[in-house]
Amino acid sequence: MMLRLLPVRVPFIAAFLLVLTFAVRGQERWRDPSPHKTRFVTVDTDVRLEVLDWGGRGRPVVLIPGLGNTAHVYDDFAPKLARDYHVYGITRRGFGTSSIPSSGYDADRLGDDVLAVLDAVKLTRPVLVGHSLGGEEVSSVATRHPGRVAAAVYLDGGYEYAFHSEAAVHYRDEAARRLQSLPPRVQPDPTDLATFATYRAWSLRTFGYAQPESELRQCCDAADPNASPRQAFRTPGTVISAIDAGAGRYGSVSVPVLAIFVSPHDYDKTWPEKTPEINATLAWERAATEAVIEAFQAGMRSARVVRLSGANHYVFLSNEAEVLHEFRRFASAFR
């Protein structure tokens, strides 16, 4: 299953789910082509997290996915980053093949899970990178244990879950109200949903990016070749609700910060046929996003803030080259 998440918090996520209904063929023959090693790290009683290691030399970089995703969402991006850094990825509890316990989803517990991985893998002052909700774990660690990390990077992840401001809270609440009231978003045809490959081709044509096939498979437990991801989505709704209920409230961090924001987002592709209501909502969203960015910049005065116009929320996929360039430029100071 693929979650096309806006940079707002749950419980509004359900309004933005893109449900895929396709038959999964040849599951037993498929292998993840991304060049990583996989291990499982115990972070809590009966809780193990999947940790991916793409190798590489230099300072360690730890990639944390957004809500609804696993570390495999970085399967295409991470190998390019590994040319200059030693790159790891963490699948948070409740998702993919990590444990799905009944508790432990508050922001600081999720941050403690990241710290437990750093201890187990013996990583010294890595750069923490969080996409979307992953910015929450980044802020949890960086605000409470700044000596454990070299820098914090937010990939369209500097919203209210990572940095609390009135503008960010207003964006979250108002975006949920306005965007949920719009007509259905662009949807794939049945032929586009025949296989993972046809779905990814549709996504690439429509949005300019496609999540790795490994990620789509990780989110769904499709052991039954006739199962749909809606039926087989691994993460129960109670996990999403628990993450929302356990939201943190973080201020500025003392470590160096790079924040890449998308402004405006590529919602024009989401609703290609415009109505006055859609145009008004998208205009509001652009202005509200700018208010969030300005509040983030004012609160984190030393942060390097980069705006990418017309990119997707999955900015490391839609604008991979720019993200790699900005990261290398930023992180070169910490080698």
C-alpha atoms as a PDB file:
ATOM      1  CA  MET A   1       0.000   0.000   0.000  1.00  0.00           C
ATOM      2  CA  MET A   2       1.183   3.464  -0.754  1.00  0.00           C
ATOM      3  CA  LEU A   3       0.422   6.424   1.460  1.00  0.00           C
ATOM      4  CA  ARG A   4       0.568   9.700  -0.402  1.00  0.00           C
ATOM      5  CA  LEU A   5       1.008  11.800   2.696  1.00  0.00           C
ATOM      6  CA  LEU A   6       0.580  15.505   2.869  1.00  0.00           C
ATOM      7  CA  PRO A   7       2.865  17.231   5.383  1.00  0.00           C
ATOM      8  CA  VAL A   8       0.079  17.201   7.989  1.00  0.00           C
ATOM      9  CA  ARG A   9      -0.404  14.907  10.977  1.00  0.00           C
ATOM     10  CA  VAL A  10      -2.770  12.044  11.495  1.00  0.00           C
ATOM     11  CA  PRO A  11      -5.726  11.459  12.119  1.00  0.00           C
ATOM     12  CA  PHE A  12      -6.170  13.275   8.843  1.00  0.00           C
ATOM     13  CA  ILE A  13      -3.994  10.763   7.007  1.00  0.00           C
ATOM     14  CA  ALA A  14      -6.950   8.543   6.145  1.00  0.00           C
ATOM     15  CA  ALA A  15      -8.286  11.211   3.806  1.00  0.00           C
ATOM     16  CA  PHE A  16      -5.148  10.946   1.700  1.00  0.00           C
ATOM     17  CA  LEU A  17      -4.767   7.190   1.358  1.00  0.00           C
ATOM     18  CA  LEU A  18      -4.349   5.919  -2.168  1.00  0.00           C
ATOM     19  CA  VAL A  19      -5.687   2.392  -2.080  1.00  0.00           C
ATOM     20  CA  LEU A  20      -4.108  -0.024  -4.518  1.00  0.00           C
ATOM     21  CA  THR A  21      -6.095  -3.083  -5.526  1.00  0.00           C
ATOM     22  CA  PHE A  22      -3.904  -5.323  -7.616  1.00  0.00           C
ATOM     23  CA  ALA A  23      -2.970  -8.967  -7.725  1.00  0.00           C
ATOM     24  CA  VAL A  24       0.583  -9.738  -6.608  1.00  0.00           C
ATOM     25  CA  ARG A  25       2.200 -12.229  -8.949  1.00  0.00           C
ATOM     26  CA  GLY A  26       5.453 -14.102  -8.514  1.00  0.00           C
ATOM     27  CA  GLN A  27       5.974 -13.049  -4.890  1.00  0.00           C
ATOM     28  CA  GLU A  28       8.239 -16.005  -4.134  1.00  0.00           C
ATOM     29  CA  ARG A  29      10.629 -15.141  -6.984  1.00  0.00           C
ATOM     30  CA  TRP A  30      11.012 -11.421  -6.318  1.00  0.00           C
ATOM     31  CA  ARG A  31      14.158 -10.156  -4.615  1.00  0.00           C
ATOM     32  CA  ASP A  32      14.922  -6.677  -3.364  1.00  0.00           C
ATOM     33  CA  PRO A  33      17.603  -5.317  -5.732  1.00  0.00           C
ATOM     34  CA  SER A  34      18.785  -2.550  -3.401  1.00  0.00           C
ATOM     35  CA  PRO A  35      22.360  -3.275  -2.169  1.00  0.00           C
ATOM     36  CA  HIS A  36      21.735  -3.304   1.561  1.00  0.00           C
ATOM     37  CA  LYS A  37      22.256  -5.718   4.404  1.00  0.00           C
ATOM     38  CA  THR A  38      19.355  -6.299   6.774  1.00  0.00           C
ATOM     39  CA  ARG A  39      19.475  -6.891  10.496  1.00  0.00           C
ATOM     40  CA  PHE A  40      16.993  -6.675  13.355  1.00  0.00           C
ATOM     41  CA  VAL A  41      17.798  -4.718  16.497  1.00  0.00           C
ATOM     42  CA  THR A  42      16.012  -5.236  19.808  1.00  0.00           C
ATOM     43  CA  VAL A  43      15.016  -1.799  21.132  1.00  0.00           C
ATOM     44  CA  ASP A  44      12.457  -2.691  23.804  1.00  0.00           C
ATOM     45  CA  THR A  45      10.873  -5.722  25.421  1.00  0.00           C
ATOM     46  CA  ASP A  46       9.781  -7.993  22.561  1.00  0.00           C
ATOM     47  CA  VAL A  47      10.284  -5.173  20.027  1.00  0.00           C
ATOM     48  CA  ARG A  48      12.735  -5.544  17.139  1.00  0.00           C
ATOM     49  CA  LEU A  49      13.297  -2.980  14.402  1.00  0.00           C
ATOM     50  CA  GLU A  50      14.464  -3.644  10.875  1.00  0.00           C
ATOM     51  CA  VAL A  51      17.730  -1.804  10.166  1.00  0.00           C
ATOM     52  CA  LEU A  52      19.111  -1.525   6.644  1.00  0.00           C
ATOM     53  CA  ASP A  53      22.805  -0.939   5.954  1.00  0.00           C
ATOM     54  CA  TRP A  54      23.740   0.282   2.469  1.00  0.00           C
ATOM     55  CA  GLY A  55      27.420   0.508   3.340  1.00  0.00           C
ATOM     56  CA  GLY A  56      29.648   3.369   2.280  1.00  0.00           C
ATOM     57  CA  ARG A  57      32.478   5.251   3.903  1.00  0.00           C
ATOM     58  CA  GLY A  58      32.610   8.373   5.969  1.00  0.00           C
ATOM     59  CA  ARG A  59      30.279   9.780   8.592  1.00  0.00           C
ATOM     60  CA  PRO A  60      27.234   7.627   9.321  1.00  0.00           C
ATOM     61  CA  VAL A  61      23.879   8.874   8.061  1.00  0.00           C
ATOM     62  CA  VAL A  62      20.642   7.421   9.446  1.00  0.00           C
ATOM     63  CA  LEU A  63      17.504   7.695   7.319  1.00  0.00           C
ATOM     64  CA  ILE A  64      14.105   7.680   9.043  1.00  0.00           C
ATOM     65  CA  PRO A  65      10.985   7.273   6.886  1.00  0.00           C
ATOM     66  CA  GLY A  66       7.716   9.152   7.035  1.00  0.00           C
ATOM     67  CA  LEU A  67       4.449   7.852   8.420  1.00  0.00           C
ATOM     68  CA  GLY A  68       3.193   4.802   6.564  1.00  0.00           C
ATOM     69  CA  ASN A  69       6.584   3.992   5.072  1.00  0.00           C
ATOM     70  CA  THR A  70       9.474   1.692   5.914  1.00  0.00           C
ATOM     71  CA  ALA A  71      13.206   2.200   5.461  1.00  0.00           C
ATOM     72  CA  HIS A  72      12.817   0.579   2.030  1.00  0.00           C
ATOM     73  CA  VAL A  73      11.344   3.831   0.726  1.00  0.00           C
ATOM     74  CA  TYR A  74      15.016   4.909   0.540  1.00  0.00           C
ATOM     75  CA  ASP A  75      16.085   1.835  -1.477  1.00  0.00           C
ATOM     76  CA  ASP A  76      16.789   3.922  -4.604  1.00  0.00           C
ATOM     77  CA  PHE A  77      18.030   7.072  -2.869  1.00  0.00           C
ATOM     78  CA  ALA A  78      20.344   5.574  -0.220  1.00  0.00           C
ATOM     79  CA  PRO A  79      22.861   3.881  -2.570  1.00  0.00           C
ATOM     80  CA  LYS A  80      23.606   7.261  -4.165  1.00  0.00           C
ATOM     81  CA  LEU A  81      24.148   8.812  -0.734  1.00  0.00           C
ATOM     82  CA  ALA A  82      26.393   5.881   0.189  1.00  0.00           C
ATOM     83  CA  ARG A  83      28.984   7.065  -2.335  1.00  0.00           C
ATOM     84  CA  ASP A  84      30.048   9.633   0.276  1.00  0.00           C
ATOM     85  CA  TYR A  85      28.651   8.415   3.607  1.00  0.00           C
ATOM     86  CA  HIS A  86      27.889   5.200   5.473  1.00  0.00           C
ATOM     87  CA  VAL A  87      24.112   5.007   5.174  1.00  0.00           C
ATOM     88  CA  TYR A  88      21.609   3.221   7.393  1.00  0.00           C
ATOM     89  CA  GLY A  89      17.818   3.169   7.498  1.00  0.00           C
ATOM     90  CA  ILE A  90      15.386   2.340  10.316  1.00  0.00           C
ATOM     91  CA  THR A  91      11.850   1.013   9.979  1.00  0.00           C
ATOM     92  CA  ARG A  92       9.970   2.279  13.044  1.00  0.00           C
ATOM     93  CA  ARG A  93       7.908  -0.036  15.209  1.00  0.00           C
ATOM     94  CA  GLY A  94       4.483  -0.811  13.819  1.00  0.00           C
ATOM     95  CA  PHE A  95       5.513  -0.899  10.163  1.00  0.00           C
ATOM     96  CA  GLY A  96       6.907  -3.329   7.620  1.00  0.00           C
ATOM     97  CA  THR A  97       8.747  -6.251   9.167  1.00  0.00           C
ATOM     98  CA  SER A  98       9.537  -4.397  12.395  1.00  0.00           C
ATOM     99  CA  SER A  99       7.572  -5.533  15.446  1.00  0.00           C
ATOM    100  CA  ILE A 100       4.020  -4.263  15.824  1.00  0.00           C
ATOM    101  CA  PRO A 101       3.533  -3.974  19.599  1.00  0.00           C
ATOM    102  CA  SER A 102       0.379  -2.616  21.202  1.00  0.00           C
ATOM    103  CA  SER A 103       2.174   0.347  22.784  1.00  0.00           C
ATOM    104  CA  GLY A 104       5.253   2.531  22.591  1.00  0.00           C
ATOM    105  CA  TYR A 105       4.183   4.983  19.891  1.00  0.00           C
ATOM    106  CA  ASP A 106       4.622   8.302  21.672  1.00  0.00           C
ATOM    107  CA  ALA A 107       7.185  10.608  20.102  1.00  0.00           C
ATOM    108  CA  ASP A 108       9.948  10.225  22.678  1.00  0.00           C
ATOM    109  CA  ARG A 109       9.578   6.428  22.797  1.00  0.00           C
ATOM    110  CA  LEU A 110      10.037   6.403  19.010  1.00  0.00           C
ATOM    111  CA  GLY A 111      13.052   8.645  19.515  1.00  0.00           C
ATOM    112  CA  ASP A 112      14.398   6.225  22.133  1.00  0.00           C
ATOM    113  CA  ASP A 113      14.055   3.436  19.569  1.00  0.00           C
ATOM    114  CA  VAL A 114      16.369   5.383  17.281  1.00  0.00           C
ATOM    115  CA  LEU A 115      18.859   5.835  20.135  1.00  0.00           C
ATOM    116  CA  ALA A 116      18.730   2.090  20.847  1.00  0.00           C
ATOM    117  CA  VAL A 117      19.628   1.403  17.212  1.00  0.00           C
ATOM    118  CA  LEU A 118      22.539   3.854  17.389  1.00  0.00           C
ATOM    119  CA  ASP A 119      23.815   2.003  20.457  1.00  0.00           C
ATOM    120  CA  ALA A 120      23.385  -1.463  18.942  1.00  0.00           C
ATOM    121  CA  VAL A 121      25.079  -0.554  15.659  1.00  0.00           C
ATOM    122  CA  LYS A 122      27.682   1.518  17.529  1.00  0.00           C
ATOM    123  CA  LEU A 123      27.158   4.707  15.563  1.00  0.00           C
ATOM    124  CA  THR A 124      28.940   7.823  16.811  1.00  0.00           C
ATOM    125  CA  ARG A 125      27.305  11.184  16.082  1.00  0.00           C
ATOM    126  CA  PRO A 126      25.523  10.341  12.849  1.00  0.00           C
ATOM    127  CA  VAL A 127      23.527  12.787  10.767  1.00  0.00           C
ATOM    128  CA  LEU A 128      19.854  12.012  11.378  1.00  0.00           C
ATOM    129  CA  VAL A 129      17.613  12.465   8.352  1.00  0.00           C
ATOM    130  CA  GLY A 130      13.832  12.391   8.698  1.00  0.00           C
ATOM    131  CA  HIS A 131      11.272  12.535   5.913  1.00  0.00           C
ATOM    132  CA  SER A 132       7.833  13.873   6.850  1.00  0.00           C
ATOM    133  CA  LEU A 133       6.849  12.417  10.250  1.00  0.00           C
ATOM    134  CA  GLY A 134      10.417  11.111  10.530  1.00  0.00           C
ATOM    135  CA  GLY A 135      11.227  14.691  11.498  1.00  0.00           C
ATOM    136  CA  GLU A 136       9.528  13.959  14.822  1.00  0.00           C
ATOM    137  CA  GLU A 137      12.069  11.282  15.754  1.00  0.00           C
ATOM    138  CA  VAL A 138      14.880  13.553  14.561  1.00  0.00           C
ATOM    139  CA  SER A 139      13.674  16.381  16.821  1.00  0.00           C
ATOM    140  CA  SER A 140      13.084  14.016  19.744  1.00  0.00           C
ATOM    141  CA  VAL A 141      16.683  12.814  19.648  1.00  0.00           C
ATOM    142  CA  ALA A 142      18.286  16.146  18.753  1.00  0.00           C
ATOM    143  CA  THR A 143      16.489  18.145  21.453  1.00  0.00           C
ATOM    144  CA  ARG A 144      16.971  15.625  24.277  1.00  0.00           C
ATOM    145  CA  HIS A 145      20.389  14.211  23.344  1.00  0.00           C
ATOM    146  CA  PRO A 146      22.161  16.747  21.109  1.00  0.00           C
ATOM    147  CA  GLY A 147      25.539  15.192  21.841  1.00  0.00           C
ATOM    148  CA  ARG A 148      24.468  11.973  20.152  1.00  0.00           C
ATOM    149  CA  VAL A 149      24.072  13.476  16.684  1.00  0.00           C
ATOM    150  CA  ALA A 150      26.185  15.637  14.395  1.00  0.00           C
ATOM    151  CA  ALA A 151      23.293  17.284  12.572  1.00  0.00           C
ATOM    152  CA  ALA A 152      19.572  17.090  11.876  1.00  0.00           C
ATOM    153  CA  VAL A 153      18.069  17.018   8.385  1.00  0.00           C
ATOM    154  CA  TYR A 154      14.368  17.442   7.646  1.00  0.00           C
ATOM    155  CA  LEU A 155      13.057  16.355   4.237  1.00  0.00           C
ATOM    156  CA  ASP A 156       9.745  18.210   4.030  1.00  0.00           C
ATOM    157  CA  GLY A 157       9.536  17.200   7.657  1.00  0.00           C
ATOM    158  CA  GLY A 158       9.736  20.484   9.561  1.00  0.00           C
ATOM    159  CA  TYR A 159       6.034  20.713  10.316  1.00  0.00           C
ATOM    160  CA  GLU A 160       4.331  20.719  13.724  1.00  0.00           C
ATOM    161  CA  TYR A 161       5.448  17.205  14.607  1.00  0.00           C
ATOM    162  CA  ALA A 162       9.085  18.361  14.383  1.00  0.00           C
ATOM    163  CA  PHE A 163       8.923  22.049  15.314  1.00  0.00           C
ATOM    164  CA  HIS A 164       5.972  23.457  17.209  1.00  0.00           C
ATOM    165  CA  SER A 165       4.635  26.841  16.164  1.00  0.00           C
ATOM    166  CA  GLU A 166       1.222  28.472  15.914  1.00  0.00           C
ATOM    167  CA  ALA A 167       1.588  28.590  12.147  1.00  0.00           C
ATOM    168  CA  ALA A 168       2.327  24.865  11.983  1.00  0.00           C
ATOM    169  CA  VAL A 169      -0.624  23.920  14.188  1.00  0.00           C
ATOM    170  CA  HIS A 170      -2.953  26.132  12.159  1.00  0.00           C
ATOM    171  CA  TYR A 171      -1.646  24.542   8.948  1.00  0.00           C
ATOM    172  CA  ARG A 172      -2.300  21.047  10.297  1.00  0.00           C
ATOM    173  CA  ASP A 173      -5.849  21.762  11.424  1.00  0.00           C
ATOM    174  CA  GLU A 174      -6.925  23.925   8.512  1.00  0.00           C
ATOM    175  CA  ALA A 175      -5.293  21.750   5.844  1.00  0.00           C
ATOM    176  CA  ALA A 176      -7.174  18.751   7.163  1.00  0.00           C
ATOM    177  CA  ARG A 177     -10.471  20.618   6.967  1.00  0.00           C
ATOM    178  CA  ARG A 178      -9.906  22.181   3.552  1.00  0.00           C
ATOM    179  CA  LEU A 179      -8.172  19.363   1.705  1.00  0.00           C
ATOM    180  CA  GLN A 180     -10.534  16.667   2.921  1.00  0.00           C
ATOM    181  CA  SER A 181     -13.475  18.595   1.512  1.00  0.00           C
ATOM    182  CA  LEU A 182     -12.100  18.555  -2.046  1.00  0.00           C
ATOM    183  CA  PRO A 183     -13.221  16.092  -4.742  1.00  0.00           C
ATOM    184  CA  PRO A 184     -11.391  12.755  -5.124  1.00  0.00           C
ATOM    185  CA  ARG A 185      -7.782  12.997  -6.213  1.00  0.00           C
ATOM    186  CA  VAL A 186      -6.486  11.597  -9.470  1.00  0.00           C
ATOM    187  CA  GLN A 187      -6.686   7.802  -9.401  1.00  0.00           C
ATOM    188  CA  PRO A 188      -5.050   5.032 -11.450  1.00  0.00           C
ATOM    189  CA  ASP A 189      -7.097   2.908 -13.834  1.00  0.00           C
ATOM    190  CA  PRO A 190      -7.504  -0.831 -13.213  1.00  0.00           C
ATOM    191  CA  THR A 191      -4.873  -1.576 -15.855  1.00  0.00           C
ATOM    192  CA  ASP A 192      -2.419   0.606 -13.916  1.00  0.00           C
ATOM    193  CA  LEU A 193      -3.033  -1.543 -10.857  1.00  0.00           C
ATOM    194  CA  ALA A 194      -2.390  -4.894 -12.523  1.00  0.00           C
ATOM    195  CA  THR A 195       1.120  -5.287 -11.076  1.00  0.00           C
ATOM    196  CA  PHE A 196       3.637  -3.383  -9.014  1.00  0.00           C
ATOM    197  CA  ALA A 197       5.443  -2.464 -12.223  1.00  0.00           C
ATOM    198  CA  THR A 198       2.366  -1.010 -13.939  1.00  0.00           C
ATOM    199  CA  TYR A 199       1.457   0.934 -10.810  1.00  0.00           C
ATOM    200  CA  ARG A 200       4.956   2.373 -10.523  1.00  0.00           C
ATOM    201  CA  ALA A 201       4.873   3.353 -14.209  1.00  0.00           C
ATOM    202  CA  TRP A 202       1.578   5.159 -13.619  1.00  0.00           C
ATOM    203  CA  SER A 203       2.980   6.990 -10.606  1.00  0.00           C
ATOM    204  CA  LEU A 204       6.040   8.046 -12.577  1.00  0.00           C
ATOM    205  CA  ARG A 205       3.897   9.374 -15.440  1.00  0.00           C
ATOM    206  CA  THR A 206       1.450  11.106 -13.148  1.00  0.00           C
ATOM    207  CA  PHE A 207       3.555  12.493 -10.327  1.00  0.00           C
ATOM    208  CA  GLY A 208       7.097  12.339 -11.671  1.00  0.00           C
ATOM    209  CA  TYR A 209       8.331   9.791  -9.134  1.00  0.00           C
ATOM    210  CA  ALA A 210       7.642   6.228  -8.018  1.00  0.00           C
ATOM    211  CA  GLN A 211       8.301   4.550  -4.697  1.00  0.00           C
ATOM    212  CA  PRO A 212      10.605   1.518  -4.918  1.00  0.00           C
ATOM    213  CA  GLU A 213       8.819  -1.763  -5.496  1.00  0.00           C
ATOM    214  CA  SER A 214      10.457  -3.069  -2.342  1.00  0.00           C
ATOM    215  CA  GLU A 215       8.671  -0.358  -0.357  1.00  0.00           C
ATOM    216  CA  LEU A 216       5.276  -1.197  -1.815  1.00  0.00           C
ATOM    217  CA  ARG A 217       5.837  -4.848  -0.951  1.00  0.00           C
ATOM    218  CA  GLN A 218       7.063  -4.079   2.578  1.00  0.00           C
ATOM    219  CA  CYS A 219       3.960  -2.069   3.431  1.00  0.00           C
ATOM    220  CA  CYS A 220       1.690  -4.931   2.429  1.00  0.00           C
ATOM    221  CA  ASP A 221       1.688  -8.506   3.565  1.00  0.00           C
ATOM    222  CA  ALA A 222       0.442 -10.053   0.338  1.00  0.00           C
ATOM    223  CA  ALA A 223       1.236 -13.703   0.947  1.00  0.00           C
ATOM    224  CA  ASP A 224      -2.064 -14.473  -0.743  1.00  0.00           C
ATOM    225  CA  PRO A 225      -1.424 -13.681  -4.432  1.00  0.00           C
ATOM    226  CA  ASN A 226      -5.051 -12.558  -4.782  1.00  0.00           C
ATOM    227  CA  ALA A 227      -5.024 -10.280  -1.755  1.00  0.00           C
ATOM    228  CA  SER A 228      -5.341  -6.545  -2.162  1.00  0.00           C
ATOM    229  CA  PRO A 229      -3.119  -4.222  -0.155  1.00  0.00           C
ATOM    230  CA  ARG A 230      -6.222  -2.764   1.490  1.00  0.00           C
ATOM    231  CA  GLN A 231      -6.892  -6.194   2.965  1.00  0.00           C
ATOM    232  CA  ALA A 232      -3.260  -6.957   3.701  1.00  0.00           C
ATOM    233  CA  PHE A 233      -1.838  -3.626   4.903  1.00  0.00           C
ATOM    234  CA  ARG A 234       0.516  -4.652   7.698  1.00  0.00           C
ATOM    235  CA  THR A 235      -0.004  -1.695  10.005  1.00  0.00           C
ATOM    236  CA  PRO A 236      -3.281  -1.615  11.966  1.00  0.00           C
ATOM    237  CA  GLY A 237      -5.131   1.666  12.308  1.00  0.00           C
ATOM    238  CA  THR A 238      -4.547   1.610  16.051  1.00  0.00           C
ATOM    239  CA  VAL A 239      -0.854   2.264  15.408  1.00  0.00           C
ATOM    240  CA  ILE A 240      -1.611   5.388  13.371  1.00  0.00           C
ATOM    241  CA  SER A 241      -3.956   6.628  16.099  1.00  0.00           C
ATOM    242  CA  ALA A 242      -1.381   5.932  18.810  1.00  0.00           C
ATOM    243  CA  ILE A 243       1.311   7.890  16.954  1.00  0.00           C
ATOM    244  CA  ASP A 244      -1.091  10.816  16.646  1.00  0.00           C
ATOM    245  CA  ALA A 245      -2.039  10.645  20.313  1.00  0.00           C
ATOM    246  CA  GLY A 246       1.613  10.552  21.339  1.00  0.00           C
ATOM    247  CA  ALA A 247       2.678  13.630  19.401  1.00  0.00           C
ATOM    248  CA  GLY A 248       5.630  15.575  20.731  1.00  0.00           C
ATOM    249  CA  ARG A 249       6.038  19.335  21.023  1.00  0.00           C
ATOM    250  CA  TYR A 250       9.570  20.327  20.126  1.00  0.00           C
ATOM    251  CA  GLY A 251      11.384  23.629  19.945  1.00  0.00           C
ATOM    252  CA  SER A 252      14.686  24.543  18.362  1.00  0.00           C
ATOM    253  CA  VAL A 253      17.655  22.192  18.361  1.00  0.00           C
ATOM    254  CA  SER A 254      21.258  23.109  19.057  1.00  0.00           C
ATOM    255  CA  VAL A 255      22.866  20.908  16.400  1.00  0.00           C
ATOM    256  CA  PRO A 256      23.305  22.104  12.809  1.00  0.00           C
ATOM    257  CA  VAL A 257      20.063  21.844  10.817  1.00  0.00           C
ATOM    258  CA  LEU A 258      19.210  21.462   7.153  1.00  0.00           C
ATOM    259  CA  ALA A 259      15.509  21.736   6.333  1.00  0.00           C
ATOM    260  CA  ILE A 260      14.351  21.137   2.779  1.00  0.00           C
ATOM    261  CA  PHE A 261      10.775  22.299   2.342  1.00  0.00           C
ATOM    262  CA  VAL A 262       8.547  21.882  -0.687  1.00  0.00           C
ATOM    263  CA  SER A 263       6.868  25.176  -1.507  1.00  0.00           C
ATOM    264  CA  PRO A 264       4.558  25.041  -3.273  1.00  0.00           C
ATOM    265  CA  HIS A 265       3.760  21.331  -3.346  1.00  0.00           C
ATOM    266  CA  ASP A 266       2.857  19.647  -6.612  1.00  0.00           C
ATOM    267  CA  TYR A 267      -0.838  19.399  -5.772  1.00  0.00           C
ATOM    268  CA  ASP A 268      -1.671  20.672  -9.248  1.00  0.00           C
ATOM    269  CA  LYS A 269      -0.900  17.116 -10.404  1.00  0.00           C
ATOM    270  CA  THR A 270      -3.177  15.713  -7.720  1.00  0.00           C
ATOM    271  CA  TRP A 271      -6.217  17.632  -8.940  1.00  0.00           C
ATOM    272  CA  PRO A 272      -5.493  18.249 -12.647  1.00  0.00           C
ATOM    273  CA  GLU A 273      -9.043  19.481 -13.312  1.00  0.00           C
ATOM    274  CA  LYS A 274      -9.478  22.690 -11.354  1.00  0.00           C
ATOM    275  CA  THR A 275     -12.606  24.139  -9.820  1.00  0.00           C
ATOM    276  CA  PRO A 276     -12.797  27.485  -8.007  1.00  0.00           C
ATOM    277  CA  GLU A 277     -12.837  25.556  -4.725  1.00  0.00           C
ATOM    278  CA  ILE A 278      -9.694  23.621  -5.642  1.00  0.00           C
ATOM    279  CA  ASN A 279      -7.888  26.749  -6.815  1.00  0.00           C
ATOM    280  CA  ALA A 280      -8.800  28.591  -3.605  1.00  0.00           C
ATOM    281  CA  THR A 281      -7.653  25.687  -1.438  1.00  0.00           C
ATOM    282  CA  LEU A 282      -4.343  25.319  -3.284  1.00  0.00           C
ATOM    283  CA  ALA A 283      -3.724  29.064  -2.995  1.00  0.00           C
ATOM    284  CA  TRP A 284      -4.372  28.834   0.734  1.00  0.00           C
ATOM    285  CA  GLU A 285      -2.067  25.823   1.037  1.00  0.00           C
ATOM    286  CA  ARG A 286       0.774  27.689  -0.669  1.00  0.00           C
ATOM    287  CA  ALA A 287       0.424  30.651   1.690  1.00  0.00           C
ATOM    288  CA  ALA A 288       0.097  28.430   4.763  1.00  0.00           C
ATOM    289  CA  THR A 289       3.183  26.434   3.805  1.00  0.00           C
ATOM    290  CA  GLU A 290       5.182  29.647   3.572  1.00  0.00           C
ATOM    291  CA  ALA A 291       3.973  30.670   7.034  1.00  0.00           C
ATOM    292  CA  VAL A 292       5.183  27.341   8.450  1.00  0.00           C
ATOM    293  CA  ILE A 293       8.572  27.742   6.773  1.00  0.00           C
ATOM    294  CA  GLU A 294       8.974  31.288   8.080  1.00  0.00           C
ATOM    295  CA  ALA A 295       8.100  30.154  11.615  1.00  0.00           C
ATOM    296  CA  PHE A 296      10.612  27.300  11.373  1.00  0.00           C
ATOM    297  CA  GLN A 297      13.326  29.678  10.151  1.00  0.00           C
ATOM    298  CA  ALA A 298      12.577  32.171  12.931  1.00  0.00           C
ATOM    299  CA  GLY A 299      12.723  29.447  15.572  1.00  0.00           C
ATOM    300  CA  MET A 300      15.849  27.764  14.205  1.00  0.00           C
ATOM    301  CA  ARG A 301      17.879  30.804  13.285  1.00  0.00           C
ATOM    302  CA  SER A 302      21.042  28.922  12.359  1.00  0.00           C
ATOM    303  CA  ALA A 303      19.244  26.387  10.164  1.00  0.00           C
ATOM    304  CA  ARG A 304      19.864  26.193   6.448  1.00  0.00           C
ATOM    305  CA  VAL A 305      16.382  26.306   4.939  1.00  0.00           C
ATOM    306  CA  VAL A 306      15.945  25.329   1.294  1.00  0.00           C
ATOM    307  CA  ARG A 307      12.727  25.690  -0.704  1.00  0.00           C
ATOM    308  CA  LEU A 308      12.081  23.434  -3.678  1.00  0.00           C
ATOM    309  CA  SER A 309       9.214  24.626  -5.819  1.00  0.00           C
ATOM    310  CA  GLY A 310       6.694  22.221  -7.334  1.00  0.00           C
ATOM    311  CA  ALA A 311       8.300  19.106  -5.857  1.00  0.00           C
ATOM    312  CA  ASN A 312       6.422  16.209  -4.311  1.00  0.00           C
ATOM    313  CA  HIS A 313       6.201  15.609  -0.575  1.00  0.00           C
ATOM    314  CA  TYR A 314       8.479  12.610  -1.286  1.00  0.00           C
ATOM    315  CA  VAL A 315      11.084  15.169  -2.251  1.00  0.00           C
ATOM    316  CA  PHE A 316      14.028  12.740  -2.172  1.00  0.00           C
ATOM    317  CA  LEU A 317      12.283  10.797  -4.936  1.00  0.00           C
ATOM    318  CA  SER A 318      10.780  13.581  -7.045  1.00  0.00           C
ATOM    319  CA  ASN A 319      13.854  15.852  -6.751  1.00  0.00           C
ATOM    320  CA  GLU A 320      16.613  13.400  -5.961  1.00  0.00           C
ATOM    321  CA  ALA A 321      19.474  15.364  -7.538  1.00  0.00           C
ATOM    322  CA  GLU A 322      18.672  18.588  -5.685  1.00  0.00           C
ATOM    323  CA  VAL A 323      18.320  16.797  -2.348  1.00  0.00           C
ATOM    324  CA  LEU A 324      21.633  14.993  -2.803  1.00  0.00           C
ATOM    325  CA  HIS A 325      23.331  18.255  -3.754  1.00  0.00           C
ATOM    326  CA  GLU A 326      21.959  20.133  -0.757  1.00  0.00           C
ATOM    327  CA  PHE A 327      22.793  17.305   1.637  1.00  0.00           C
ATOM    328  CA  ARG A 328      26.386  16.988   0.452  1.00  0.00           C
ATOM    329  CA  ARG A 329      26.869  20.742   0.585  1.00  0.00           C
ATOM    330  CA  PHE A 330      25.524  20.827   4.136  1.00  0.00           C
ATOM    331  CA  ALA A 331      27.169  17.675   5.508  1.00  0.00           C
ATOM    332  CA  SER A 332      30.609  18.420   4.075  1.00  0.00           C
ATOM    333  CA  ALA A 333      31.217  20.702   7.042  1.00  0.00           C
ATOM    334  CA  PHE A 334      30.973  17.733   9.438  1.00  0.00           C
ATOM    335  CA  ARG A 335      33.443  15.327   7.859  1.00  0.00           C
END
